[in-house]
Amino acid sequence: MSAVEQYLKPEVIRQISRLDLRAQFIVKGFLQGLHASPFHGFSVEFSEHRKYTPGDDPKDIDWLAYAKTDRYYVKKFEAETNITGYLAMDLSASMAYTYRQELTKFDYAICLAAALCYLMVHQNDPVGLVTFGERISQSLPPKSKRTQIGNVLSLLANLKPAGKTDIAHSLTQLAAMLRHASLVMIFSDLLTDPEPVIRALRRLRHGGHDVILFHVLDEAEVAFPFNGQVELEDPESNDKLEIDADGFRHDYREEIEKFRTDYRRECFQSGIDYVPLDTSMPFDRALTEYLASRRSRG
């Protein structure tokens, strides 16, 4: 079985398809909200016609074009350009961790990224990919063709999380790469000092980009299901620590909750969407719930 087929297993395809069916109207509203034209509904210059498709606003039909051609066309306004998406994937060693879930954090992030790529491409919005550890290591330019989903998965499926992470430096590099206002979707466990990361996120946001931070932790990193004497190891530094899990659990869970709460607050203040996830959550439901909450706010 190829690595791509591993992520395109029938159940993953079904989850993505089901997500598309359930979330179609949500995604439509979500993406339209991101690139809604301030001139929408007014008589402004339009750049081209395109064929009317179900779901288009009937108000945009050009009746003059219909009278001439007997076909429905809608005006595509100059200001109503497509949003360009970038999937930014953390490739550091800690993303390879799983305690008892079938998917590692990296696998889980790939499923999320595949679903978002699928949804954006179905909206004809171009989407690209960057992967990073201490710096950006791979990138795919944004495309809106259906084949882009396979391109994204092929690249990700052949990568193995390894090495250290410098999220802040990588996001600063990404900000320098972006020529136009874009939608940046970041997938990371954020297991590093938050301050420089938050500064880099703010810089991205102040550059005019829409930013969604998918904070992916393993179920065990959230719930801490260990008992007795346990040896913990940092996958990036290989530092080891022996602890009494039962005595440590309460303090650990408080720290994780504070970690997530601090990110939520900082992101909220900067107009960044913060989405805390763990690998025990079905990714299609997690994504649908996020998109629904985003749309209801938007």
C-alpha atoms as a PDB file:
ATOM      1  CA  MET A   1       0.000   0.000   0.000  1.00  0.00           C
ATOM      2  CA  SER A   2       1.445   3.383  -0.979  1.00  0.00           C
ATOM      3  CA  ALA A   3       1.728   6.161   1.562  1.00  0.00           C
ATOM      4  CA  VAL A   4      -0.889   8.202  -0.318  1.00  0.00           C
ATOM      5  CA  GLU A   5      -3.396   5.325  -0.206  1.00  0.00           C
ATOM      6  CA  GLN A   6      -2.776   5.127   3.528  1.00  0.00           C
ATOM      7  CA  TYR A   7      -4.271   8.630   3.920  1.00  0.00           C
ATOM      8  CA  LEU A   8      -6.868   8.058   1.222  1.00  0.00           C
ATOM      9  CA  LYS A   9      -8.192   4.936   2.941  1.00  0.00           C
ATOM     10  CA  PRO A  10     -11.897   4.448   2.139  1.00  0.00           C
ATOM     11  CA  GLU A  11     -12.926   5.492   5.657  1.00  0.00           C
ATOM     12  CA  VAL A  12     -10.919   8.737   5.369  1.00  0.00           C
ATOM     13  CA  ILE A  13     -12.451   9.438   1.947  1.00  0.00           C
ATOM     14  CA  ARG A  14     -15.878   8.761   3.449  1.00  0.00           C
ATOM     15  CA  GLN A  15     -15.182  11.096   6.363  1.00  0.00           C
ATOM     16  CA  ILE A  16     -14.059  13.852   3.989  1.00  0.00           C
ATOM     17  CA  SER A  17     -17.036  13.304   1.652  1.00  0.00           C
ATOM     18  CA  ARG A  18     -19.456  13.242   4.555  1.00  0.00           C
ATOM     19  CA  LEU A  19     -17.885  16.404   5.878  1.00  0.00           C
ATOM     20  CA  ASP A  20     -18.372  17.984   2.446  1.00  0.00           C
ATOM     21  CA  LEU A  21     -22.057  17.036   2.360  1.00  0.00           C
ATOM     22  CA  ARG A  22     -22.798  18.193   5.894  1.00  0.00           C
ATOM     23  CA  ALA A  23     -20.620  21.272   5.799  1.00  0.00           C
ATOM     24  CA  GLN A  24     -21.140  22.471   2.231  1.00  0.00           C
ATOM     25  CA  PHE A  25     -23.378  25.386   3.181  1.00  0.00           C
ATOM     26  CA  ILE A  26     -21.146  26.176   6.175  1.00  0.00           C
ATOM     27  CA  VAL A  27     -17.968  26.148   4.093  1.00  0.00           C
ATOM     28  CA  LYS A  28     -19.602  28.248   1.403  1.00  0.00           C
ATOM     29  CA  GLY A  29     -20.525  30.879   3.982  1.00  0.00           C
ATOM     30  CA  PHE A  30     -17.123  30.603   5.656  1.00  0.00           C
ATOM     31  CA  LEU A  31     -15.121  31.123   2.459  1.00  0.00           C
ATOM     32  CA  GLN A  32     -17.488  33.744   1.046  1.00  0.00           C
ATOM     33  CA  GLY A  33     -17.162  35.595   4.341  1.00  0.00           C
ATOM     34  CA  LEU A  34     -13.383  35.632   3.931  1.00  0.00           C
ATOM     35  CA  HIS A  35     -13.472  37.210   0.502  1.00  0.00           C
ATOM     36  CA  ALA A  36     -16.822  38.975   0.484  1.00  0.00           C
ATOM     37  CA  SER A  37     -16.693  42.007  -1.742  1.00  0.00           C
ATOM     38  CA  PRO A  38     -17.599  45.274  -0.018  1.00  0.00           C
ATOM     39  CA  PHE A  39     -19.272  46.209  -3.338  1.00  0.00           C
ATOM     40  CA  HIS A  40     -21.370  43.074  -3.490  1.00  0.00           C
ATOM     41  CA  GLY A  41     -24.906  43.882  -4.636  1.00  0.00           C
ATOM     42  CA  PHE A  42     -23.930  47.266  -6.105  1.00  0.00           C
ATOM     43  CA  SER A  43     -23.484  48.129  -9.743  1.00  0.00           C
ATOM     44  CA  VAL A  44     -19.712  47.892 -10.161  1.00  0.00           C
ATOM     45  CA  GLU A  45     -17.384  46.887 -12.958  1.00  0.00           C
ATOM     46  CA  PHE A  46     -17.241  43.147 -13.402  1.00  0.00           C
ATOM     47  CA  SER A  47     -14.325  41.276 -14.893  1.00  0.00           C
ATOM     48  CA  GLU A  48     -16.013  38.345 -16.635  1.00  0.00           C
ATOM     49  CA  HIS A  49     -19.072  36.163 -16.929  1.00  0.00           C
ATOM     50  CA  ARG A  50     -19.238  32.590 -15.793  1.00  0.00           C
ATOM     51  CA  LYS A  51     -22.019  30.047 -16.104  1.00  0.00           C
ATOM     52  CA  TYR A  52     -24.621  30.082 -13.364  1.00  0.00           C
ATOM     53  CA  THR A  53     -24.293  27.133 -10.981  1.00  0.00           C
ATOM     54  CA  PRO A  54     -26.760  26.086  -8.263  1.00  0.00           C
ATOM     55  CA  GLY A  55     -25.946  28.027  -5.109  1.00  0.00           C
ATOM     56  CA  ASP A  56     -25.085  31.277  -6.916  1.00  0.00           C
ATOM     57  CA  ASP A  57     -27.126  34.312  -5.919  1.00  0.00           C
ATOM     58  CA  PRO A  58     -29.884  34.737  -8.558  1.00  0.00           C
ATOM     59  CA  LYS A  59     -29.454  38.512  -8.132  1.00  0.00           C
ATOM     60  CA  ASP A  60     -26.093  38.195  -9.911  1.00  0.00           C
ATOM     61  CA  ILE A  61     -27.595  36.728 -13.108  1.00  0.00           C
ATOM     62  CA  ASP A  62     -26.946  38.939 -16.130  1.00  0.00           C
ATOM     63  CA  TRP A  63     -30.376  39.027 -17.802  1.00  0.00           C
ATOM     64  CA  LEU A  64     -29.004  40.881 -20.828  1.00  0.00           C
ATOM     65  CA  ALA A  65     -26.585  37.997 -21.462  1.00  0.00           C
ATOM     66  CA  TYR A  66     -29.492  35.576 -20.978  1.00  0.00           C
ATOM     67  CA  ALA A  67     -31.606  37.460 -23.552  1.00  0.00           C
ATOM     68  CA  LYS A  68     -28.755  37.194 -26.093  1.00  0.00           C
ATOM     69  CA  THR A  69     -27.658  33.605 -25.447  1.00  0.00           C
ATOM     70  CA  ASP A  70     -30.635  31.889 -23.784  1.00  0.00           C
ATOM     71  CA  ARG A  71     -28.190  30.768 -21.062  1.00  0.00           C
ATOM     72  CA  TYR A  72     -27.757  31.891 -17.478  1.00  0.00           C
ATOM     73  CA  TYR A  73     -24.513  33.706 -16.674  1.00  0.00           C
ATOM     74  CA  VAL A  74     -23.502  35.491 -13.501  1.00  0.00           C
ATOM     75  CA  LYS A  75     -21.313  38.543 -13.287  1.00  0.00           C
ATOM     76  CA  LYS A  76     -18.041  37.908 -11.527  1.00  0.00           C
ATOM     77  CA  PHE A  77     -17.116  41.154  -9.833  1.00  0.00           C
ATOM     78  CA  GLU A  78     -13.545  42.447  -9.982  1.00  0.00           C
ATOM     79  CA  ALA A  79     -13.458  42.861  -6.211  1.00  0.00           C
ATOM     80  CA  GLU A  80     -14.691  39.331  -5.634  1.00  0.00           C
ATOM     81  CA  THR A  81     -11.455  37.432  -6.140  1.00  0.00           C
ATOM     82  CA  ASN A  82     -10.759  33.965  -4.781  1.00  0.00           C
ATOM     83  CA  ILE A  83      -8.976  33.567  -1.482  1.00  0.00           C
ATOM     84  CA  THR A  84      -5.618  31.773  -1.596  1.00  0.00           C
ATOM     85  CA  GLY A  85      -5.039  29.235   1.156  1.00  0.00           C
ATOM     86  CA  TYR A  86      -1.767  27.936   2.603  1.00  0.00           C
ATOM     87  CA  LEU A  87      -1.570  24.790   4.719  1.00  0.00           C
ATOM     88  CA  ALA A  88       1.427  25.197   7.079  1.00  0.00           C
ATOM     89  CA  MET A  89       2.433  21.866   8.608  1.00  0.00           C
ATOM     90  CA  ASP A  90       4.739  21.352  11.623  1.00  0.00           C
ATOM     91  CA  LEU A  91       7.180  18.555  10.769  1.00  0.00           C
ATOM     92  CA  SER A  92       9.130  18.443  14.044  1.00  0.00           C
ATOM     93  CA  ALA A  93       9.817  15.146  15.881  1.00  0.00           C
ATOM     94  CA  SER A  94       7.119  15.652  18.551  1.00  0.00           C
ATOM     95  CA  MET A  95       4.400  15.497  15.829  1.00  0.00           C
ATOM     96  CA  ALA A  96       5.195  11.757  15.358  1.00  0.00           C
ATOM     97  CA  TYR A  97       3.892  10.938  18.855  1.00  0.00           C
ATOM     98  CA  THR A  98       0.892   8.779  19.645  1.00  0.00           C
ATOM     99  CA  TYR A  99       0.188   6.980  22.916  1.00  0.00           C
ATOM    100  CA  ARG A 100      -2.746   4.722  22.028  1.00  0.00           C
ATOM    101  CA  GLN A 101      -4.542   6.414  19.133  1.00  0.00           C
ATOM    102  CA  GLU A 102      -4.236   4.952  15.627  1.00  0.00           C
ATOM    103  CA  LEU A 103      -3.151   8.314  14.216  1.00  0.00           C
ATOM    104  CA  THR A 104      -0.095  10.276  15.317  1.00  0.00           C
ATOM    105  CA  LYS A 105      -0.490  14.049  15.639  1.00  0.00           C
ATOM    106  CA  PHE A 106       1.089  14.379  12.171  1.00  0.00           C
ATOM    107  CA  ASP A 107      -1.331  11.794  10.661  1.00  0.00           C
ATOM    108  CA  TYR A 108      -4.259  13.611  12.261  1.00  0.00           C
ATOM    109  CA  ALA A 109      -3.042  16.964  10.910  1.00  0.00           C
ATOM    110  CA  ILE A 110      -2.702  15.423   7.422  1.00  0.00           C
ATOM    111  CA  CYS A 111      -6.354  14.287   7.534  1.00  0.00           C
ATOM    112  CA  LEU A 112      -7.438  17.787   8.572  1.00  0.00           C
ATOM    113  CA  ALA A 113      -5.271  19.392   5.873  1.00  0.00           C
ATOM    114  CA  ALA A 114      -6.626  16.989   3.222  1.00  0.00           C
ATOM    115  CA  ALA A 115     -10.210  17.849   4.186  1.00  0.00           C
ATOM    116  CA  LEU A 116      -9.543  21.617   4.074  1.00  0.00           C
ATOM    117  CA  CYS A 117      -7.681  21.269   0.769  1.00  0.00           C
ATOM    118  CA  TYR A 118     -10.623  19.267  -0.621  1.00  0.00           C
ATOM    119  CA  LEU A 119     -13.156  21.861   0.531  1.00  0.00           C
ATOM    120  CA  MET A 120     -11.175  24.841  -0.822  1.00  0.00           C
ATOM    121  CA  VAL A 121     -10.505  23.207  -4.194  1.00  0.00           C
ATOM    122  CA  HIS A 122     -14.246  22.431  -4.482  1.00  0.00           C
ATOM    123  CA  GLN A 123     -14.825  26.174  -4.042  1.00  0.00           C
ATOM    124  CA  ASN A 124     -12.264  26.844  -6.820  1.00  0.00           C
ATOM    125  CA  ASP A 125      -9.996  28.510  -4.269  1.00  0.00           C
ATOM    126  CA  PRO A 126      -6.278  27.842  -4.791  1.00  0.00           C
ATOM    127  CA  VAL A 127      -4.456  26.183  -1.917  1.00  0.00           C
ATOM    128  CA  GLY A 128      -0.741  25.567  -1.356  1.00  0.00           C
ATOM    129  CA  LEU A 129       1.390  23.824   1.260  1.00  0.00           C
ATOM    130  CA  VAL A 130       4.496  24.570   3.337  1.00  0.00           C
ATOM    131  CA  THR A 131       6.124  22.223   5.845  1.00  0.00           C
ATOM    132  CA  PHE A 132       8.491  23.381   8.558  1.00  0.00           C
ATOM    133  CA  GLY A 133      10.722  22.287  11.422  1.00  0.00           C
ATOM    134  CA  GLU A 134      13.388  24.828  12.322  1.00  0.00           C
ATOM    135  CA  ARG A 135      12.662  26.500   8.963  1.00  0.00           C
ATOM    136  CA  ILE A 136      10.414  25.982   5.939  1.00  0.00           C
ATOM    137  CA  SER A 137      11.597  22.806   4.237  1.00  0.00           C
ATOM    138  CA  GLN A 138       9.085  21.999   1.473  1.00  0.00           C
ATOM    139  CA  SER A 139       6.516  24.060  -0.361  1.00  0.00           C
ATOM    140  CA  LEU A 140       3.900  23.538  -3.060  1.00  0.00           C
ATOM    141  CA  PRO A 141       2.571  26.616  -4.881  1.00  0.00           C
ATOM    142  CA  PRO A 142      -1.189  27.225  -4.564  1.00  0.00           C
ATOM    143  CA  LYS A 143      -3.434  25.655  -7.230  1.00  0.00           C
ATOM    144  CA  SER A 144      -7.199  25.202  -7.463  1.00  0.00           C
ATOM    145  CA  LYS A 145      -7.176  22.090  -9.687  1.00  0.00           C
ATOM    146  CA  ARG A 146      -8.657  18.863  -8.263  1.00  0.00           C
ATOM    147  CA  THR A 147      -5.247  17.195  -8.683  1.00  0.00           C
ATOM    148  CA  GLN A 148      -3.854  19.500  -5.964  1.00  0.00           C
ATOM    149  CA  ILE A 149      -5.378  17.280  -3.243  1.00  0.00           C
ATOM    150  CA  GLY A 150      -3.279  14.358  -4.521  1.00  0.00           C
ATOM    151  CA  ASN A 151      -0.189  16.584  -4.809  1.00  0.00           C
ATOM    152  CA  VAL A 152      -0.543  17.777  -1.206  1.00  0.00           C
ATOM    153  CA  LEU A 153      -1.110  14.240   0.101  1.00  0.00           C
ATOM    154  CA  SER A 154       1.743  12.764  -1.962  1.00  0.00           C
ATOM    155  CA  LEU A 155       4.182  15.261  -0.500  1.00  0.00           C
ATOM    156  CA  LEU A 156       2.957  14.877   3.094  1.00  0.00           C
ATOM    157  CA  ALA A 157       2.679  11.089   2.958  1.00  0.00           C
ATOM    158  CA  ASN A 158       6.358  10.751   2.090  1.00  0.00           C
ATOM    159  CA  LEU A 159       7.547  12.902   4.994  1.00  0.00           C
ATOM    160  CA  LYS A 160       8.507  11.746   8.481  1.00  0.00           C
ATOM    161  CA  PRO A 161       8.421  14.212  11.394  1.00  0.00           C
ATOM    162  CA  ALA A 162      11.989  14.626  12.700  1.00  0.00           C
ATOM    163  CA  GLY A 163      14.272  17.170  14.319  1.00  0.00           C
ATOM    164  CA  LYS A 164      13.611  20.318  16.310  1.00  0.00           C
ATOM    165  CA  THR A 165      11.073  23.037  15.761  1.00  0.00           C
ATOM    166  CA  ASP A 166      11.274  26.805  15.391  1.00  0.00           C
ATOM    167  CA  ILE A 167       7.687  27.753  14.675  1.00  0.00           C
ATOM    168  CA  ALA A 168       8.254  31.506  15.048  1.00  0.00           C
ATOM    169  CA  HIS A 169      11.124  31.591  12.529  1.00  0.00           C
ATOM    170  CA  SER A 170       9.157  29.416  10.069  1.00  0.00           C
ATOM    171  CA  LEU A 171       6.050  31.633  10.279  1.00  0.00           C
ATOM    172  CA  THR A 172       8.209  34.739   9.766  1.00  0.00           C
ATOM    173  CA  GLN A 173       9.649  33.074   6.632  1.00  0.00           C
ATOM    174  CA  LEU A 174       6.129  32.267   5.447  1.00  0.00           C
ATOM    175  CA  ALA A 175       4.978  35.863   5.984  1.00  0.00           C
ATOM    176  CA  ALA A 176       7.875  37.034   3.779  1.00  0.00           C
ATOM    177  CA  MET A 177       6.825  34.569   1.020  1.00  0.00           C
ATOM    178  CA  LEU A 178       3.208  35.738   0.809  1.00  0.00           C
ATOM    179  CA  ARG A 179       2.556  38.364  -1.848  1.00  0.00           C
ATOM    180  CA  HIS A 180      -1.195  38.802  -1.305  1.00  0.00           C
ATOM    181  CA  ALA A 181      -3.622  38.582   1.593  1.00  0.00           C
ATOM    182  CA  SER A 182      -4.077  34.847   2.150  1.00  0.00           C
ATOM    183  CA  LEU A 183      -5.745  32.339   4.440  1.00  0.00           C
ATOM    184  CA  VAL A 184      -2.985  30.653   6.489  1.00  0.00           C
ATOM    185  CA  MET A 185      -3.970  27.380   8.193  1.00  0.00           C
ATOM    186  CA  ILE A 186      -1.303  26.250  10.690  1.00  0.00           C
ATOM    187  CA  PHE A 187      -1.138  22.693  12.092  1.00  0.00           C
ATOM    188  CA  SER A 188       1.159  22.265  15.095  1.00  0.00           C
ATOM    189  CA  ASP A 189       1.370  20.868  18.633  1.00  0.00           C
ATOM    190  CA  LEU A 190       2.989  24.217  19.626  1.00  0.00           C
ATOM    191  CA  LEU A 191       5.346  22.424  22.040  1.00  0.00           C
ATOM    192  CA  THR A 192       7.777  25.309  22.320  1.00  0.00           C
ATOM    193  CA  ASP A 193       8.031  28.699  24.056  1.00  0.00           C
ATOM    194  CA  PRO A 194       4.734  30.486  23.226  1.00  0.00           C
ATOM    195  CA  GLU A 195       5.981  34.106  23.251  1.00  0.00           C
ATOM    196  CA  PRO A 196       7.940  34.166  19.954  1.00  0.00           C
ATOM    197  CA  VAL A 197       5.194  32.079  18.293  1.00  0.00           C
ATOM    198  CA  ILE A 198       2.516  34.564  19.361  1.00  0.00           C
ATOM    199  CA  ARG A 199       4.637  37.479  18.067  1.00  0.00           C
ATOM    200  CA  ALA A 200       5.045  35.704  14.695  1.00  0.00           C
ATOM    201  CA  LEU A 201       1.299  34.976  14.537  1.00  0.00           C
ATOM    202  CA  ARG A 202       0.563  38.661  15.181  1.00  0.00           C
ATOM    203  CA  ARG A 203       2.954  39.676  12.387  1.00  0.00           C
ATOM    204  CA  LEU A 204       1.121  37.362   9.982  1.00  0.00           C
ATOM    205  CA  ARG A 205      -2.220  38.800  11.052  1.00  0.00           C
ATOM    206  CA  HIS A 206      -1.012  42.401  10.771  1.00  0.00           C
ATOM    207  CA  GLY A 207       0.210  41.579   7.264  1.00  0.00           C
ATOM    208  CA  GLY A 208      -3.464  41.290   6.313  1.00  0.00           C
ATOM    209  CA  HIS A 209      -3.678  37.490   6.384  1.00  0.00           C
ATOM    210  CA  ASP A 210      -6.516  35.465   7.827  1.00  0.00           C
ATOM    211  CA  VAL A 211      -4.964  32.977  10.260  1.00  0.00           C
ATOM    212  CA  ILE A 212      -6.375  29.731  11.678  1.00  0.00           C
ATOM    213  CA  LEU A 213      -4.255  27.906  14.244  1.00  0.00           C
ATOM    214  CA  PHE A 214      -5.095  24.200  14.582  1.00  0.00           C
ATOM    215  CA  HIS A 215      -3.482  23.179  17.875  1.00  0.00           C
ATOM    216  CA  VAL A 216      -3.160  19.396  17.566  1.00  0.00           C
ATOM    217  CA  LEU A 217      -2.225  17.450  20.718  1.00  0.00           C
ATOM    218  CA  ASP A 218      -2.252  13.726  21.341  1.00  0.00           C
ATOM    219  CA  GLU A 219      -5.129  12.521  23.504  1.00  0.00           C
ATOM    220  CA  ALA A 220      -2.586  11.449  26.192  1.00  0.00           C
ATOM    221  CA  GLU A 221      -1.009  14.941  26.217  1.00  0.00           C
ATOM    222  CA  VAL A 222      -4.397  16.358  27.210  1.00  0.00           C
ATOM    223  CA  ALA A 223      -5.769  13.644  29.523  1.00  0.00           C
ATOM    224  CA  PHE A 224      -2.474  12.296  31.010  1.00  0.00           C
ATOM    225  CA  PRO A 225      -3.740   8.702  31.420  1.00  0.00           C
ATOM    226  CA  PHE A 226      -0.526   7.349  33.010  1.00  0.00           C
ATOM    227  CA  ASN A 227      -0.221   5.617  36.389  1.00  0.00           C
ATOM    228  CA  GLY A 228       2.626   4.898  38.819  1.00  0.00           C
ATOM    229  CA  GLN A 229       6.281   5.690  38.067  1.00  0.00           C
ATOM    230  CA  VAL A 230       6.647   6.890  34.481  1.00  0.00           C
ATOM    231  CA  GLU A 231       9.676   8.005  32.467  1.00  0.00           C
ATOM    232  CA  LEU A 232       8.856  10.879  30.109  1.00  0.00           C
ATOM    233  CA  GLU A 233      11.132  11.766  27.202  1.00  0.00           C
ATOM    234  CA  ASP A 234      11.293  14.965  25.157  1.00  0.00           C
ATOM    235  CA  PRO A 235      11.392  13.753  21.498  1.00  0.00           C
ATOM    236  CA  GLU A 236      13.320  16.811  20.322  1.00  0.00           C
ATOM    237  CA  SER A 237      15.981  17.093  23.066  1.00  0.00           C
ATOM    238  CA  ASN A 238      15.872  13.434  24.276  1.00  0.00           C
ATOM    239  CA  ASP A 239      15.835  14.742  27.874  1.00  0.00           C
ATOM    240  CA  LYS A 240      14.299  12.180  30.259  1.00  0.00           C
ATOM    241  CA  LEU A 241      12.332  12.773  33.444  1.00  0.00           C
ATOM    242  CA  GLU A 242      11.036  10.177  35.901  1.00  0.00           C
ATOM    243  CA  ILE A 243       7.864  11.126  37.761  1.00  0.00           C
ATOM    244  CA  ASP A 244       5.065   9.730  39.894  1.00  0.00           C
ATOM    245  CA  ALA A 245       2.187  10.026  37.390  1.00  0.00           C
ATOM    246  CA  ASP A 246      -0.610   9.935  39.985  1.00  0.00           C
ATOM    247  CA  GLY A 247       0.877  12.786  42.007  1.00  0.00           C
ATOM    248  CA  PHE A 248       1.707  14.788  38.868  1.00  0.00           C
ATOM    249  CA  ARG A 249      -1.595  14.432  36.962  1.00  0.00           C
ATOM    250  CA  HIS A 250      -3.532  17.301  38.556  1.00  0.00           C
ATOM    251  CA  ASP A 251      -0.714  19.865  38.112  1.00  0.00           C
ATOM    252  CA  TYR A 252      -0.056  18.639  34.567  1.00  0.00           C
ATOM    253  CA  ARG A 253      -3.680  19.005  33.483  1.00  0.00           C
ATOM    254  CA  GLU A 254      -3.813  22.498  35.002  1.00  0.00           C
ATOM    255  CA  GLU A 255      -0.684  23.466  33.030  1.00  0.00           C
ATOM    256  CA  ILE A 256      -2.086  22.135  29.741  1.00  0.00           C
ATOM    257  CA  GLU A 257      -5.360  23.966  30.344  1.00  0.00           C
ATOM    258  CA  LYS A 258      -3.450  27.195  31.046  1.00  0.00           C
ATOM    259  CA  PHE A 259      -1.307  26.653  27.917  1.00  0.00           C
ATOM    260  CA  ARG A 260      -4.421  26.361  25.740  1.00  0.00           C
ATOM    261  CA  THR A 261      -6.240  29.209  27.504  1.00  0.00           C
ATOM    262  CA  ASP A 262      -3.279  31.580  27.012  1.00  0.00           C
ATOM    263  CA  TYR A 263      -3.173  30.761  23.291  1.00  0.00           C
ATOM    264  CA  ARG A 264      -6.942  31.174  23.000  1.00  0.00           C
ATOM    265  CA  ARG A 265      -6.795  34.613  24.659  1.00  0.00           C
ATOM    266  CA  GLU A 266      -3.793  35.872  22.664  1.00  0.00           C
ATOM    267  CA  CYS A 267      -5.269  34.650  19.376  1.00  0.00           C
ATOM    268  CA  PHE A 268      -8.683  36.144  20.138  1.00  0.00           C
ATOM    269  CA  GLN A 269      -7.083  39.536  20.848  1.00  0.00           C
ATOM    270  CA  SER A 270      -5.276  39.413  17.481  1.00  0.00           C
ATOM    271  CA  GLY A 271      -8.288  38.244  15.451  1.00  0.00           C
ATOM    272  CA  ILE A 272      -6.780  34.776  14.910  1.00  0.00           C
ATOM    273  CA  ASP A 273      -8.918  31.636  15.061  1.00  0.00           C
ATOM    274  CA  TYR A 274      -7.588  29.183  17.655  1.00  0.00           C
ATOM    275  CA  VAL A 275      -8.838  25.596  17.340  1.00  0.00           C
ATOM    276  CA  PRO A 276      -7.702  23.226  20.159  1.00  0.00           C
ATOM    277  CA  LEU A 277      -7.898  19.585  19.060  1.00  0.00           C
ATOM    278  CA  ASP A 278      -6.741  16.221  20.277  1.00  0.00           C
ATOM    279  CA  THR A 279      -6.308  13.001  18.336  1.00  0.00           C
ATOM    280  CA  SER A 280      -9.268  11.246  20.016  1.00  0.00           C
ATOM    281  CA  MET A 281     -11.704  13.655  18.265  1.00  0.00           C
ATOM    282  CA  PRO A 282     -13.062  12.474  14.862  1.00  0.00           C
ATOM    283  CA  PHE A 283     -11.461  15.017  12.548  1.00  0.00           C
ATOM    284  CA  ASP A 284     -14.538  15.508  10.334  1.00  0.00           C
ATOM    285  CA  ARG A 285     -16.732  16.393  13.329  1.00  0.00           C
ATOM    286  CA  ALA A 286     -14.060  18.631  14.846  1.00  0.00           C
ATOM    287  CA  LEU A 287     -13.712  20.516  11.548  1.00  0.00           C
ATOM    288  CA  THR A 288     -17.454  20.818  10.935  1.00  0.00           C
ATOM    289  CA  GLU A 289     -18.005  22.185  14.450  1.00  0.00           C
ATOM    290  CA  TYR A 290     -15.192  24.703  13.976  1.00  0.00           C
ATOM    291  CA  LEU A 291     -16.541  25.893  10.602  1.00  0.00           C
ATOM    292  CA  ALA A 292     -20.063  26.195  12.024  1.00  0.00           C
ATOM    293  CA  SER A 293     -18.839  28.308  14.962  1.00  0.00           C
ATOM    294  CA  ARG A 294     -16.755  30.472  12.623  1.00  0.00           C
ATOM    295  CA  ARG A 295     -19.704  31.039  10.298  1.00  0.00           C
ATOM    296  CA  SER A 296     -22.065  31.934  13.146  1.00  0.00           C
ATOM    297  CA  ARG A 297     -19.537  34.567  14.332  1.00  0.00           C
ATOM    298  CA  GLY A 298     -18.852  35.860  10.830  1.00  0.00           C
END
